[in-house]
Amino acid sequence: MQPERPTVATHAGTVAPGWAEIEAGVELDRYADRSRGGSAPMLIKLGLATHLQLSVQTPVVRAPGQVSTGIGDVVVGVKWRLVDDAPILGDFAIFPSVKAPTGSTSAGAGTGTTDVSVLLISSHSLRSVAMDLNAGYTRRSGAGRRAPREATVWTASLGGPARGRLGWVAEIYGYPATSGPARSDSIVAFLAGPTLQVRPWIVLDAGVILPLVGPQPRAAYAGLTYNVGRWWSP
C-alpha cells in the first residue's frame, strides 16, 4: 500500500510497476459565514515503473451556496522519484501535473482554467514516523478573474503507527496569498486524524481540518485507500 490520503501533502513513494490503487473520500466544509460545501475526490494511481507513477484525479464538488453538485476538473500527473535516501533530501520526487477545465464553472465545480503545476516532494523516515515535506507552484490560463494566475502551496506532514493496525497523521499546510482580480488571502491550516489498516490492501482514514490563518473552512473528512491489485506484469 502507498496511501497518499488523507493529508494535503503527498509522499515520494510510488505504486509498484503494474499495480493500481484507488483513493476516495468525502470532505464536509463549514465556512465562517455558516455556509456549507463539500467534495468527494477520487484518485487512481498506476505504477508505470519502479520510480514512476501515473495519477488521475477528479472530484465531485458542492461549492458553498450551491444547491447542486458537479464533477470537478480532471487532473493528470506523473510522480517521478529521482533519488532514495539522499542526504538532506531523503526520498526525493517531482510531481508535474495538468488540470483540464472539465468542471462546471456555473456550479462552482471548476475554475474554467487550464493549470500546469509542479510539486517538489521530500520524504524522510524518523524511526517509526514518516515525514513528508512538499512545495508546489501552479500557473493558470485566463485573465485571473475566476482563479489567480499563479499560486503556491507548502506542506509538512507526519504520520506513524499508534497501536496495532491503528495509526495517525498530522499536518500543517499553507496557501500563500495571491494577486489579481481573484486574489485570495493567505491560508494556514492544521489537519489530524486516525488511520486504520483493515486489511493489507485497505486503509481507512478520518479526521478534521482546522483553520489557523485565513479563510480556510472548518472541515471533517473520511475516506479509504484500496489496492486493486496487479493489472499487468512489468
C-alpha atoms as a PDB file:
ATOM      1  CA  MET A   1       0.000   0.000   0.000  1.00  0.00           C
ATOM      2  CA  GLN A   2       1.133   3.537  -0.807  1.00  0.00           C
ATOM      3  CA  PRO A   3      -1.721   5.684   0.619  1.00  0.00           C
ATOM      4  CA  GLU A   4      -1.451   9.417  -0.028  1.00  0.00           C
ATOM      5  CA  ARG A   5      -4.644  10.129   1.895  1.00  0.00           C
ATOM      6  CA  PRO A   6      -5.687  11.895   3.967  1.00  0.00           C
ATOM      7  CA  THR A   7      -3.176  14.753   4.048  1.00  0.00           C
ATOM      8  CA  VAL A   8      -2.801  17.594   1.553  1.00  0.00           C
ATOM      9  CA  ALA A   9       0.838  16.531   1.245  1.00  0.00           C
ATOM     10  CA  THR A  10       1.945  13.543  -0.773  1.00  0.00           C
ATOM     11  CA  HIS A  11       4.973  11.300  -0.240  1.00  0.00           C
ATOM     12  CA  ALA A  12       7.787  10.401  -2.605  1.00  0.00           C
ATOM     13  CA  GLY A  13       6.761   6.734  -2.773  1.00  0.00           C
ATOM     14  CA  THR A  14       5.293   5.259  -5.950  1.00  0.00           C
ATOM     15  CA  VAL A  15       2.967   2.333  -6.571  1.00  0.00           C
ATOM     16  CA  ALA A  16       4.784  -0.829  -7.708  1.00  0.00           C
ATOM     17  CA  PRO A  17       5.008  -1.333 -11.502  1.00  0.00           C
ATOM     18  CA  GLY A  18       1.851  -2.912 -12.907  1.00  0.00           C
ATOM     19  CA  TRP A  19      -0.175  -2.354  -9.724  1.00  0.00           C
ATOM     20  CA  ALA A  20      -3.082   0.054  -9.195  1.00  0.00           C
ATOM     21  CA  GLU A  21      -4.580   1.795  -6.182  1.00  0.00           C
ATOM     22  CA  ILE A  22      -7.766   3.815  -5.740  1.00  0.00           C
ATOM     23  CA  GLU A  23      -8.176   6.555  -3.148  1.00  0.00           C
ATOM     24  CA  ALA A  24     -11.593   8.040  -2.438  1.00  0.00           C
ATOM     25  CA  GLY A  25     -13.169  10.122   0.278  1.00  0.00           C
ATOM     26  CA  VAL A  26     -15.578  12.843   1.303  1.00  0.00           C
ATOM     27  CA  GLU A  27     -14.962  16.229   2.940  1.00  0.00           C
ATOM     28  CA  LEU A  28     -17.651  18.402   4.538  1.00  0.00           C
ATOM     29  CA  ASP A  29     -16.812  22.104   4.889  1.00  0.00           C
ATOM     30  CA  ARG A  30     -18.302  24.825   7.091  1.00  0.00           C
ATOM     31  CA  TYR A  31     -17.269  28.409   6.345  1.00  0.00           C
ATOM     32  CA  ALA A  32     -17.072  31.407   8.664  1.00  0.00           C
ATOM     33  CA  ASP A  33     -20.355  32.810   7.249  1.00  0.00           C
ATOM     34  CA  ARG A  34     -22.022  29.479   8.173  1.00  0.00           C
ATOM     35  CA  SER A  35     -22.397  28.405   4.538  1.00  0.00           C
ATOM     36  CA  ARG A  36     -21.570  24.797   3.762  1.00  0.00           C
ATOM     37  CA  GLY A  37     -19.862  22.954   0.942  1.00  0.00           C
ATOM     38  CA  GLY A  38     -18.043  19.731   0.319  1.00  0.00           C
ATOM     39  CA  SER A  39     -16.221  17.493  -2.081  1.00  0.00           C
ATOM     40  CA  ALA A  40     -15.727  13.813  -2.834  1.00  0.00           C
ATOM     41  CA  PRO A  41     -12.352  13.332  -4.516  1.00  0.00           C
ATOM     42  CA  MET A  42     -11.317  10.160  -6.326  1.00  0.00           C
ATOM     43  CA  LEU A  43      -7.748   9.328  -7.317  1.00  0.00           C
ATOM     44  CA  ILE A  44      -6.479   6.433  -9.425  1.00  0.00           C
ATOM     45  CA  LYS A  45      -2.748   5.623  -9.180  1.00  0.00           C
ATOM     46  CA  LEU A  46      -0.946   3.271 -11.546  1.00  0.00           C
ATOM     47  CA  GLY A  47       2.661   2.125 -11.253  1.00  0.00           C
ATOM     48  CA  LEU A  48       4.424   2.664 -14.575  1.00  0.00           C
ATOM     49  CA  ALA A  49       7.987   1.792 -13.487  1.00  0.00           C
ATOM     50  CA  THR A  50       9.929   1.298 -10.261  1.00  0.00           C
ATOM     51  CA  HIS A  51      10.171   5.058  -9.683  1.00  0.00           C
ATOM     52  CA  LEU A  52       7.291   6.330 -11.837  1.00  0.00           C
ATOM     53  CA  GLN A  53       3.569   6.621 -11.061  1.00  0.00           C
ATOM     54  CA  LEU A  54       0.617   7.915 -13.103  1.00  0.00           C
ATOM     55  CA  SER A  55      -2.129   9.713 -11.163  1.00  0.00           C
ATOM     56  CA  VAL A  56      -5.592  10.669 -12.439  1.00  0.00           C
ATOM     57  CA  GLN A  57      -7.929  12.587 -10.137  1.00  0.00           C
ATOM     58  CA  THR A  58     -11.349  14.191 -10.346  1.00  0.00           C
ATOM     59  CA  PRO A  59     -13.674  15.282  -7.523  1.00  0.00           C
ATOM     60  CA  VAL A  60     -17.408  15.701  -7.105  1.00  0.00           C
ATOM     61  CA  VAL A  61     -17.875  19.219  -5.708  1.00  0.00           C
ATOM     62  CA  ARG A  62     -20.621  21.155  -3.949  1.00  0.00           C
ATOM     63  CA  ALA A  63     -19.476  24.753  -3.726  1.00  0.00           C
ATOM     64  CA  PRO A  64     -20.659  26.910  -0.788  1.00  0.00           C
ATOM     65  CA  GLY A  65     -24.032  28.479  -1.523  1.00  0.00           C
ATOM     66  CA  GLN A  66     -24.842  25.970  -4.282  1.00  0.00           C
ATOM     67  CA  VAL A  67     -27.755  23.532  -4.085  1.00  0.00           C
ATOM     68  CA  SER A  68     -26.396  21.075  -6.665  1.00  0.00           C
ATOM     69  CA  THR A  69     -23.183  19.137  -7.064  1.00  0.00           C
ATOM     70  CA  GLY A  70     -20.990  18.816 -10.126  1.00  0.00           C
ATOM     71  CA  ILE A  71     -17.994  16.918 -11.456  1.00  0.00           C
ATOM     72  CA  GLY A  72     -14.813  18.902 -10.892  1.00  0.00           C
ATOM     73  CA  ASP A  73     -11.752  19.442 -13.051  1.00  0.00           C
ATOM     74  CA  VAL A  74      -9.681  16.410 -14.080  1.00  0.00           C
ATOM     75  CA  VAL A  75      -6.025  16.398 -13.009  1.00  0.00           C
ATOM     76  CA  VAL A  76      -3.432  14.113 -14.641  1.00  0.00           C
ATOM     77  CA  GLY A  77       0.097  13.903 -13.255  1.00  0.00           C
ATOM     78  CA  VAL A  78       3.207  11.749 -13.122  1.00  0.00           C
ATOM     79  CA  LYS A  79       5.232  11.314  -9.928  1.00  0.00           C
ATOM     80  CA  TRP A  80       8.898  10.591 -10.616  1.00  0.00           C
ATOM     81  CA  ARG A  81      11.099   9.575  -7.676  1.00  0.00           C
ATOM     82  CA  LEU A  82      14.592  10.781  -8.519  1.00  0.00           C
ATOM     83  CA  VAL A  83      16.628   9.559  -5.531  1.00  0.00           C
ATOM     84  CA  ASP A  84      16.268   7.344  -2.456  1.00  0.00           C
ATOM     85  CA  ASP A  85      17.788   8.010   0.974  1.00  0.00           C
ATOM     86  CA  ALA A  86      19.786  11.021  -0.218  1.00  0.00           C
ATOM     87  CA  PRO A  87      21.467  13.311   2.338  1.00  0.00           C
ATOM     88  CA  ILE A  88      19.102  16.114   3.415  1.00  0.00           C
ATOM     89  CA  LEU A  89      16.529  15.343   0.664  1.00  0.00           C
ATOM     90  CA  GLY A  90      15.758  11.763   1.740  1.00  0.00           C
ATOM     91  CA  ASP A  91      13.476  10.178  -0.856  1.00  0.00           C
ATOM     92  CA  PHE A  92      13.003  12.989  -3.371  1.00  0.00           C
ATOM     93  CA  ALA A  93      10.429  13.185  -6.178  1.00  0.00           C
ATOM     94  CA  ILE A  94       8.934  15.697  -8.567  1.00  0.00           C
ATOM     95  CA  PHE A  95       5.255  15.612  -9.483  1.00  0.00           C
ATOM     96  CA  PRO A  96       4.252  17.652 -12.560  1.00  0.00           C
ATOM     97  CA  SER A  97       0.537  17.709 -13.406  1.00  0.00           C
ATOM     98  CA  VAL A  98      -2.005  19.308 -15.721  1.00  0.00           C
ATOM     99  CA  LYS A  99      -5.593  20.222 -14.781  1.00  0.00           C
ATOM    100  CA  ALA A 100      -8.151  20.423 -17.577  1.00  0.00           C
ATOM    101  CA  PRO A 101     -11.200  22.761 -17.344  1.00  0.00           C
ATOM    102  CA  THR A 102     -13.763  19.939 -17.322  1.00  0.00           C
ATOM    103  CA  GLY A 103     -15.766  21.077 -14.275  1.00  0.00           C
ATOM    104  CA  SER A 104     -18.829  23.300 -14.376  1.00  0.00           C
ATOM    105  CA  THR A 105     -17.981  26.922 -13.550  1.00  0.00           C
ATOM    106  CA  SER A 106     -21.654  27.833 -13.048  1.00  0.00           C
ATOM    107  CA  ALA A 107     -21.953  25.180 -10.321  1.00  0.00           C
ATOM    108  CA  GLY A 108     -18.666  26.243  -8.784  1.00  0.00           C
ATOM    109  CA  ALA A 109     -17.150  22.823  -9.531  1.00  0.00           C
ATOM    110  CA  GLY A 110     -14.361  24.094 -11.793  1.00  0.00           C
ATOM    111  CA  THR A 111     -12.191  27.139 -12.361  1.00  0.00           C
ATOM    112  CA  GLY A 112     -12.536  27.241 -16.157  1.00  0.00           C
ATOM    113  CA  THR A 113      -8.750  27.342 -16.483  1.00  0.00           C
ATOM    114  CA  THR A 114      -6.017  25.010 -17.640  1.00  0.00           C
ATOM    115  CA  ASP A 115      -3.463  24.642 -14.858  1.00  0.00           C
ATOM    116  CA  VAL A 116       0.136  23.457 -15.044  1.00  0.00           C
ATOM    117  CA  SER A 117       1.643  22.548 -11.670  1.00  0.00           C
ATOM    118  CA  VAL A 118       4.839  21.096 -10.273  1.00  0.00           C
ATOM    119  CA  LEU A 119       5.250  19.708  -6.757  1.00  0.00           C
ATOM    120  CA  LEU A 120       8.589  19.006  -5.063  1.00  0.00           C
ATOM    121  CA  ILE A 121       8.436  16.154  -2.527  1.00  0.00           C
ATOM    122  CA  SER A 122      10.928  15.208   0.191  1.00  0.00           C
ATOM    123  CA  SER A 123      10.149  12.187   2.374  1.00  0.00           C
ATOM    124  CA  HIS A 124      12.052  11.006   5.463  1.00  0.00           C
ATOM    125  CA  SER A 125      11.749   8.159   7.968  1.00  0.00           C
ATOM    126  CA  LEU A 126      12.317   9.250  11.568  1.00  0.00           C
ATOM    127  CA  ARG A 127      12.367   5.800  13.154  1.00  0.00           C
ATOM    128  CA  SER A 128       8.688   4.768  13.033  1.00  0.00           C
ATOM    129  CA  VAL A 129       7.445   8.228  11.977  1.00  0.00           C
ATOM    130  CA  ALA A 130       7.204   9.280   8.322  1.00  0.00           C
ATOM    131  CA  MET A 131       7.747  12.953   7.471  1.00  0.00           C
ATOM    132  CA  ASP A 132       6.752  14.431   4.094  1.00  0.00           C
ATOM    133  CA  LEU A 133       7.614  17.972   3.018  1.00  0.00           C
ATOM    134  CA  ASN A 134       6.078  19.487  -0.139  1.00  0.00           C
ATOM    135  CA  ALA A 135       6.420  22.760  -2.033  1.00  0.00           C
ATOM    136  CA  GLY A 136       4.382  23.480  -5.167  1.00  0.00           C
ATOM    137  CA  TYR A 137       3.738  26.082  -7.836  1.00  0.00           C
ATOM    138  CA  THR A 138       0.749  26.444 -10.207  1.00  0.00           C
ATOM    139  CA  ARG A 139       0.353  28.560 -13.342  1.00  0.00           C
ATOM    140  CA  ARG A 140      -3.162  29.015 -14.753  1.00  0.00           C
ATOM    141  CA  SER A 141      -4.561  30.173 -18.071  1.00  0.00           C
ATOM    142  CA  GLY A 142      -7.035  33.042 -18.356  1.00  0.00           C
ATOM    143  CA  ALA A 143      -7.017  36.600 -17.102  1.00  0.00           C
ATOM    144  CA  GLY A 144      -7.129  35.739 -13.406  1.00  0.00           C
ATOM    145  CA  ARG A 145     -10.793  36.617 -12.939  1.00  0.00           C
ATOM    146  CA  ARG A 146     -12.037  33.152 -11.936  1.00  0.00           C
ATOM    147  CA  ALA A 147      -8.833  31.977 -10.245  1.00  0.00           C
ATOM    148  CA  PRO A 148      -5.421  33.565  -9.588  1.00  0.00           C
ATOM    149  CA  ARG A 149      -2.986  33.088 -12.462  1.00  0.00           C
ATOM    150  CA  GLU A 150      -0.248  31.961 -10.071  1.00  0.00           C
ATOM    151  CA  ALA A 151      -0.476  30.086  -6.789  1.00  0.00           C
ATOM    152  CA  THR A 152       1.845  28.260  -4.396  1.00  0.00           C
ATOM    153  CA  VAL A 153       1.459  25.687  -1.636  1.00  0.00           C
ATOM    154  CA  TRP A 154       3.609  24.240   1.143  1.00  0.00           C
ATOM    155  CA  THR A 155       3.004  21.314   3.484  1.00  0.00           C
ATOM    156  CA  ALA A 156       4.651  19.467   6.372  1.00  0.00           C
ATOM    157  CA  SER A 157       3.116  16.122   7.287  1.00  0.00           C
ATOM    158  CA  LEU A 158       3.868  13.485   9.943  1.00  0.00           C
ATOM    159  CA  GLY A 159       2.379  10.032  10.371  1.00  0.00           C
ATOM    160  CA  GLY A 160       3.047   6.731  12.072  1.00  0.00           C
ATOM    161  CA  PRO A 161       1.681   3.749  13.973  1.00  0.00           C
ATOM    162  CA  ALA A 162      -0.364   4.181  17.151  1.00  0.00           C
ATOM    163  CA  ARG A 163      -1.360   0.710  18.284  1.00  0.00           C
ATOM    164  CA  GLY A 164      -1.845  -2.456  16.271  1.00  0.00           C
ATOM    165  CA  ARG A 165      -3.498  -1.568  12.978  1.00  0.00           C
ATOM    166  CA  LEU A 166      -4.343   1.933  14.197  1.00  0.00           C
ATOM    167  CA  GLY A 167      -2.197   4.820  13.007  1.00  0.00           C
ATOM    168  CA  TRP A 168      -2.208   8.621  12.998  1.00  0.00           C
ATOM    169  CA  VAL A 169      -1.450  11.571  10.731  1.00  0.00           C
ATOM    170  CA  ALA A 170      -0.952  15.273  11.443  1.00  0.00           C
ATOM    171  CA  GLU A 171      -0.166  18.052   9.002  1.00  0.00           C
ATOM    172  CA  ILE A 172       0.193  21.786   8.740  1.00  0.00           C
ATOM    173  CA  TYR A 173      -0.188  23.314   5.296  1.00  0.00           C
ATOM    174  CA  GLY A 174      -0.471  26.713   3.705  1.00  0.00           C
ATOM    175  CA  TYR A 175      -1.568  28.530   0.558  1.00  0.00           C
ATOM    176  CA  PRO A 176       0.257  31.901   0.413  1.00  0.00           C
ATOM    177  CA  ALA A 177      -1.695  34.980  -0.673  1.00  0.00           C
ATOM    178  CA  THR A 178      -2.282  35.511  -4.397  1.00  0.00           C
ATOM    179  CA  SER A 179      -2.781  38.636  -6.519  1.00  0.00           C
ATOM    180  CA  GLY A 180      -5.069  39.719  -9.351  1.00  0.00           C
ATOM    181  CA  PRO A 181      -8.869  40.099  -9.709  1.00  0.00           C
ATOM    182  CA  ALA A 182      -9.463  36.743  -7.988  1.00  0.00           C
ATOM    183  CA  ARG A 183      -6.835  37.318  -5.319  1.00  0.00           C
ATOM    184  CA  SER A 184      -7.049  35.368  -2.078  1.00  0.00           C
ATOM    185  CA  ASP A 185      -5.652  35.843   1.408  1.00  0.00           C
ATOM    186  CA  SER A 186      -3.052  33.529   2.903  1.00  0.00           C
ATOM    187  CA  ILE A 187      -4.334  30.291   4.369  1.00  0.00           C
ATOM    188  CA  VAL A 188      -2.653  28.140   7.012  1.00  0.00           C
ATOM    189  CA  ALA A 189      -4.488  25.106   8.386  1.00  0.00           C
ATOM    190  CA  PHE A 190      -3.973  22.052  10.581  1.00  0.00           C
ATOM    191  CA  LEU A 191      -5.175  18.543   9.731  1.00  0.00           C
ATOM    192  CA  ALA A 192      -5.160  15.479  12.003  1.00  0.00           C
ATOM    193  CA  GLY A 193      -6.858  12.148  12.423  1.00  0.00           C
ATOM    194  CA  PRO A 194      -6.519   8.379  12.798  1.00  0.00           C
ATOM    195  CA  THR A 195      -5.945   5.738  10.134  1.00  0.00           C
ATOM    196  CA  LEU A 196      -6.921   2.078  10.254  1.00  0.00           C
ATOM    197  CA  GLN A 197      -5.432  -0.745   8.181  1.00  0.00           C
ATOM    198  CA  VAL A 198      -8.415  -3.055   7.807  1.00  0.00           C
ATOM    199  CA  ARG A 199      -6.559  -5.453   5.500  1.00  0.00           C
ATOM    200  CA  PRO A 200      -3.112  -5.314   3.894  1.00  0.00           C
ATOM    201  CA  TRP A 201      -4.842  -3.821   0.833  1.00  0.00           C
ATOM    202  CA  ILE A 202      -7.381  -1.467   2.532  1.00  0.00           C
ATOM    203  CA  VAL A 203      -6.646   1.564   4.729  1.00  0.00           C
ATOM    204  CA  LEU A 204      -9.379   3.803   6.181  1.00  0.00           C
ATOM    205  CA  ASP A 205      -8.922   7.365   7.410  1.00  0.00           C
ATOM    206  CA  ALA A 206     -10.919  10.124   9.124  1.00  0.00           C
ATOM    207  CA  GLY A 207     -10.250  13.408  10.856  1.00  0.00           C
ATOM    208  CA  VAL A 208     -10.693  17.163  10.986  1.00  0.00           C
ATOM    209  CA  ILE A 209      -9.223  20.276   9.357  1.00  0.00           C
ATOM    210  CA  LEU A 210      -8.937  23.417  11.476  1.00  0.00           C
ATOM    211  CA  PRO A 211      -8.109  26.912  10.156  1.00  0.00           C
ATOM    212  CA  LEU A 212      -5.152  28.713  11.718  1.00  0.00           C
ATOM    213  CA  VAL A 213      -4.884  31.727   9.379  1.00  0.00           C
ATOM    214  CA  GLY A 214      -7.176  32.996   6.624  1.00  0.00           C
ATOM    215  CA  PRO A 215     -10.467  31.821   5.103  1.00  0.00           C
ATOM    216  CA  GLN A 216      -9.939  28.052   5.348  1.00  0.00           C
ATOM    217  CA  PRO A 217     -13.262  26.407   6.337  1.00  0.00           C
ATOM    218  CA  ARG A 218     -13.558  24.021   9.247  1.00  0.00           C
ATOM    219  CA  ALA A 219     -13.919  20.539   7.804  1.00  0.00           C
ATOM    220  CA  ALA A 220     -14.383  16.863   8.607  1.00  0.00           C
ATOM    221  CA  TYR A 221     -13.239  14.118   6.253  1.00  0.00           C
ATOM    222  CA  ALA A 222     -13.283  10.343   5.816  1.00  0.00           C
ATOM    223  CA  GLY A 223     -12.050   8.012   3.108  1.00  0.00           C
ATOM    224  CA  LEU A 224     -10.131   4.937   2.076  1.00  0.00           C
ATOM    225  CA  THR A 225      -7.196   3.678   0.016  1.00  0.00           C
ATOM    226  CA  TYR A 226      -7.712   0.367  -1.819  1.00  0.00           C
ATOM    227  CA  ASN A 227      -5.014  -1.633  -3.582  1.00  0.00           C
ATOM    228  CA  VAL A 228      -6.823  -3.035  -6.620  1.00  0.00           C
ATOM    229  CA  GLY A 229      -4.025  -5.476  -7.456  1.00  0.00           C
ATOM    230  CA  ARG A 230      -1.720  -6.126 -10.366  1.00  0.00           C
ATOM    231  CA  TRP A 231      -3.087  -5.105 -13.762  1.00  0.00           C
ATOM    232  CA  TRP A 232      -0.157  -6.442 -15.738  1.00  0.00           C
ATOM    233  CA  SER A 233       3.285  -7.983 -15.188  1.00  0.00           C
ATOM    234  CA  PRO A 234       6.034  -5.486 -15.993  1.00  0.00           C
END
